[in-house]
Structures are given as structure tokens and as C-alpha cells.
Amino acid sequence: MPALIAHSHFHLVVFYAALFVCFAPEWVGTFFQRVEKGAHVRDRGSHAWIFIAVGMGVAAGIFLVNANFPGTTLVRGQRLQFWTGIAVMAVGLAFRWYAIKSLGRFFTRTVATRAGQYVVDTGPYRLIRHPSYAGGLMMFLGMGIAMTNWAALLAIMAGAGIGYAYRVHVEERALCEDLGQSYRDYMLRTKRFVPYVW
């Protein structure tokens, strides 16, 4: 039996609509948001790396779903899996935008610091250092679950994990150098993605 989105037109339309809602703003922001004049860009190609790594993971996931390899499709409870995945995507999207709003004017899509920047430790940043990335990872997790194919889920999460791992390394290094001891102290009392865990 193929993945649900491979044999149900309705679920395929819902899946693509969810992808559009979650990821179209990211594409728009990438092309139209610019780093403000005077900011110190420290990106080291991490923004492009996320797109490449995630793109490869998603492409592999789509290929695996369409190829319908024996044993990779999760056939039991496909509709429940699908809607769970869509719900996880929605929660991830909401959490990402909450994090972006909490970061305010310091949010950039490329790693950059500016004069007067300080450590934001309110809202979701009180417990984790990268809530916007945590939200992004949740969206990719939801995408993989909605595909009802464990190999596709692994491919997508591998791509997202590789992409975000490099981004976080670059960002934390830049913030330690530019914000100094205040950010290093912040790192000691927070986790990266999951409060009190990781």
C-alpha cells in the first residue's frame, strides 16, 4: 500500500496547502529581508547551507514516498498519522513565529549582530536558545509524519538536523564573540532546543 498522499488527492492537497502556509513566508523572507546597514554579518554560508541540506532531505523524502519502497510505508492508521503530522506542523509554525516576535528587531535570516544588541531571555528564550529553529524542526518533523513513510521521515529530519546543526554552531560562536560574557552565561542556564533536556 502506498503512502496516503500518494493515493488520496484530498490528503495531497491538504499536505501541499500546509507546506505553503509553513514555508512560503520563509522563501519570501529570504528574498526580501535584508540585513540592516551597519550590522556585522557573521553567517559563514549557514543560511544557504540550511536550504541546501533541508532541500536535499525533502527531495529524498518525496522520492522515497513516490518510489513506494517495500516496507517503508506506514500502513496502519495512515489518516491518524497524516493529521498528527499536519497538527505538528501547525504547532511548529506557531512556535516559530512566537519566537520571532519575541526576538523582535534582532531577528535576521542571516547570522548578524548589530550595535546595541543584547541577550534576549524572555518568552521562549527564557528556557531555550533557539526556539525559532525548534519550531522549524517541528515543522519538518510534522511534514515527515504526514508523509506516512518512515524512510521519508528519516531523510527529512537528517537534512534538517544537518542544516540546523551547522547554523547553530555558527550563530552561537558569533554571539559569544560579539555579545561576550552575557551570552556565555546565558548558554550555561539554557538548552538549545528542548527545555531542561537538550
Protein backbone atom coordinates (compact mmCIF):
# COMPACT_ATOMS: atom_id res chain seq x y z
CA MET A 1 0.00 0.00 0.00
CA PRO A 2 1.46 3.43 -0.92
CA ALA A 3 1.70 6.45 1.37
CA LEU A 4 -1.59 8.27 1.96
CA ILE A 5 -0.59 11.34 -0.05
CA ALA A 6 0.33 9.08 -2.96
CA HIS A 7 -3.18 7.65 -3.33
CA SER A 8 -5.53 10.27 -1.86
CA HIS A 9 -5.91 13.50 -3.83
CA PHE A 10 -7.66 15.22 -0.90
CA HIS A 11 -4.83 14.50 1.53
CA LEU A 12 -2.23 15.52 -1.07
CA VAL A 13 -3.95 18.91 -1.48
CA VAL A 14 -4.08 19.40 2.30
CA PHE A 15 -0.41 18.42 2.54
CA TYR A 16 0.67 20.94 -0.10
CA ALA A 17 -1.50 23.64 1.46
CA ALA A 18 0.19 23.03 4.82
CA LEU A 19 3.61 23.21 3.17
CA PHE A 20 2.68 26.51 1.54
CA VAL A 21 1.41 28.04 4.80
CA CYS A 22 4.50 26.90 6.72
CA PHE A 23 7.27 27.55 4.23
CA ALA A 24 6.16 30.26 1.76
CA PRO A 25 6.89 33.03 4.32
CA GLU A 26 10.40 31.61 4.71
CA TRP A 27 11.05 31.86 0.97
CA VAL A 28 9.60 35.37 0.80
CA GLY A 29 11.66 36.49 3.78
CA THR A 30 14.81 35.00 2.29
CA PHE A 31 14.49 37.04 -0.88
CA PHE A 32 13.17 40.30 0.56
CA GLN A 33 14.56 40.70 4.08
CA ARG A 34 17.92 42.42 4.14
CA VAL A 35 20.39 42.82 6.97
CA GLU A 36 20.27 46.40 8.19
CA LYS A 37 23.05 48.74 7.26
CA GLY A 38 25.92 48.66 9.74
CA ALA A 39 25.19 45.15 11.02
CA HIS A 40 28.11 42.75 11.39
CA VAL A 41 27.34 39.77 9.13
CA ARG A 42 28.78 36.53 10.53
CA ASP A 43 26.77 33.98 8.54
CA ARG A 44 29.60 31.81 7.09
CA GLY A 45 27.19 30.44 4.50
CA SER A 46 24.89 28.92 7.13
CA HIS A 47 21.72 30.35 5.59
CA ALA A 48 22.48 28.78 2.24
CA TRP A 49 23.59 25.58 3.97
CA ILE A 50 20.19 25.20 5.67
CA PHE A 51 18.40 25.49 2.33
CA ILE A 52 20.74 23.00 0.67
CA ALA A 53 20.66 20.41 3.47
CA VAL A 54 16.91 20.71 4.05
CA GLY A 55 16.21 20.74 0.32
CA MET A 56 18.16 17.53 -0.16
CA GLY A 57 16.36 15.88 2.76
CA VAL A 58 12.92 16.89 1.50
CA ALA A 59 13.75 15.84 -2.07
CA ALA A 60 14.89 12.45 -0.77
CA GLY A 61 11.70 12.15 1.27
CA ILE A 62 9.49 12.89 -1.73
CA PHE A 63 11.44 10.41 -3.82
CA LEU A 64 11.03 7.71 -1.19
CA VAL A 65 7.27 8.30 -0.98
CA ASN A 66 6.83 8.22 -4.75
CA ALA A 67 9.10 5.18 -5.18
CA ASN A 68 6.97 3.26 -2.66
CA PHE A 69 9.82 1.04 -1.47
CA PRO A 70 8.52 -2.13 0.19
CA GLY A 71 8.37 -1.89 3.97
CA THR A 72 8.88 1.87 4.28
CA THR A 73 5.24 2.97 4.14
CA LEU A 74 3.46 3.05 7.50
CA VAL A 75 0.19 1.42 6.52
CA ARG A 76 -1.62 1.23 9.87
CA GLY A 77 -3.55 4.31 10.91
CA GLN A 78 -2.43 6.40 7.95
CA ARG A 79 -5.11 9.04 8.40
CA LEU A 80 -4.28 9.47 12.07
CA GLN A 81 -0.58 9.76 11.20
CA PHE A 82 -1.34 12.28 8.47
CA TRP A 83 -3.44 14.59 10.66
CA THR A 84 -0.98 14.26 13.53
CA GLY A 85 1.74 15.41 11.16
CA ILE A 86 -0.32 18.39 9.98
CA ALA A 87 -1.00 19.35 13.61
CA VAL A 88 2.71 19.13 14.48
CA MET A 89 3.50 21.37 11.51
CA ALA A 90 0.94 23.94 12.72
CA VAL A 91 2.32 23.90 16.27
CA GLY A 92 5.86 24.27 14.94
CA LEU A 93 4.82 27.21 12.77
CA ALA A 94 3.08 28.96 15.68
CA PHE A 95 6.06 28.39 17.96
CA ARG A 96 8.50 29.69 15.36
CA TRP A 97 6.53 32.89 14.85
CA TYR A 98 6.17 33.34 18.61
CA ALA A 99 9.96 33.10 18.87
CA ILE A 100 10.47 35.57 16.02
CA LYS A 101 8.07 38.04 17.64
CA SER A 102 9.84 37.66 20.99
CA LEU A 103 13.23 38.34 19.38
CA GLY A 104 11.83 41.42 17.69
CA ARG A 105 14.24 43.68 15.82
CA PHE A 106 17.16 41.33 16.47
CA PHE A 107 15.68 38.61 14.24
CA THR A 108 17.59 38.09 10.99
CA ARG A 109 17.63 35.25 8.49
CA THR A 110 21.39 35.51 8.17
CA VAL A 111 23.64 35.43 11.22
CA ALA A 112 24.41 39.07 12.02
CA THR A 113 24.85 41.26 15.07
CA ARG A 114 24.38 44.96 15.44
CA ALA A 115 25.41 47.78 17.74
CA GLY A 116 23.40 47.78 20.94
CA GLN A 117 22.33 44.16 20.64
CA TYR A 118 21.78 42.34 23.92
CA VAL A 119 20.79 38.85 25.04
CA VAL A 120 17.04 38.30 24.76
CA ASP A 121 15.94 35.94 27.53
CA THR A 122 12.20 36.49 27.61
CA GLY A 123 9.34 34.46 26.14
CA PRO A 124 10.58 31.13 24.75
CA TYR A 125 14.17 32.37 25.02
CA ARG A 126 13.88 32.11 28.78
CA LEU A 127 14.37 28.32 28.57
CA ILE A 128 15.91 27.58 25.15
CA ARG A 129 18.40 29.45 23.00
CA HIS A 130 16.96 28.60 19.58
CA PRO A 131 13.16 28.45 19.74
CA SER A 132 12.71 29.59 16.13
CA TYR A 133 14.86 26.67 14.99
CA ALA A 134 12.99 24.34 17.33
CA GLY A 135 9.78 25.48 15.62
CA GLY A 136 11.36 24.87 12.21
CA LEU A 137 12.42 21.37 13.23
CA MET A 138 8.87 20.68 14.42
CA MET A 139 7.54 21.72 11.02
CA PHE A 140 9.88 19.29 9.29
CA LEU A 141 9.01 16.56 11.78
CA GLY A 142 5.32 17.12 11.05
CA MET A 143 5.99 17.00 7.33
CA GLY A 144 7.72 13.65 7.68
CA ILE A 145 4.96 12.21 9.85
CA ALA A 146 2.29 13.38 7.38
CA MET A 147 4.08 11.53 4.59
CA THR A 148 3.30 8.22 6.38
CA ASN A 149 6.65 6.79 5.36
CA TRP A 150 9.37 6.17 7.95
CA ALA A 151 12.21 6.41 5.42
CA ALA A 152 10.94 9.79 4.20
CA LEU A 153 10.69 10.98 7.81
CA LEU A 154 14.29 9.96 8.49
CA ALA A 155 15.54 11.63 5.29
CA ILE A 156 13.79 14.91 6.07
CA MET A 157 14.95 15.00 9.69
CA ALA A 158 18.52 14.10 8.67
CA GLY A 159 18.59 17.03 6.23
CA ALA A 160 17.05 19.43 8.75
CA GLY A 161 19.34 18.21 11.53
CA ILE A 162 22.48 18.67 9.44
CA GLY A 163 21.35 22.10 8.26
CA TYR A 164 20.43 23.44 11.69
CA ALA A 165 23.46 21.90 13.43
CA TYR A 166 25.86 24.00 11.34
CA ARG A 167 23.66 27.10 11.67
CA VAL A 168 23.56 26.83 15.47
CA HIS A 169 27.34 26.32 15.63
CA VAL A 170 27.93 29.47 13.56
CA GLU A 171 25.36 31.54 15.41
CA GLU A 172 26.49 30.65 18.91
CA ARG A 173 30.11 31.31 18.02
CA ALA A 174 29.21 34.74 16.61
CA LEU A 175 27.06 35.67 19.62
CA CYS A 176 29.75 34.57 22.07
CA GLU A 177 32.29 36.74 20.28
CA ASP A 178 30.07 39.79 19.81
CA LEU A 179 27.91 39.76 22.96
CA GLY A 180 30.62 38.38 25.20
CA GLN A 181 30.19 37.04 28.70
CA SER A 182 26.48 37.81 28.88
CA TYR A 183 25.78 35.31 26.10
CA ARG A 184 28.15 32.72 27.55
CA ASP A 185 26.33 32.99 30.88
CA TYR A 186 23.02 32.64 29.03
CA MET A 187 24.30 29.44 27.39
CA LEU A 188 25.08 27.97 30.81
CA ARG A 189 21.50 28.35 32.04
CA THR A 190 19.61 27.31 28.90
CA LYS A 191 19.33 24.38 26.49
CA ARG A 192 19.38 24.68 22.70
CA PHE A 193 16.04 23.20 21.63
CA VAL A 194 14.24 21.34 24.43
CA PRO A 195 13.90 22.94 27.91
CA TYR A 196 15.97 21.18 30.59
CA VAL A 197 16.87 18.37 28.15
CA TRP A 198 18.83 19.37 25.04
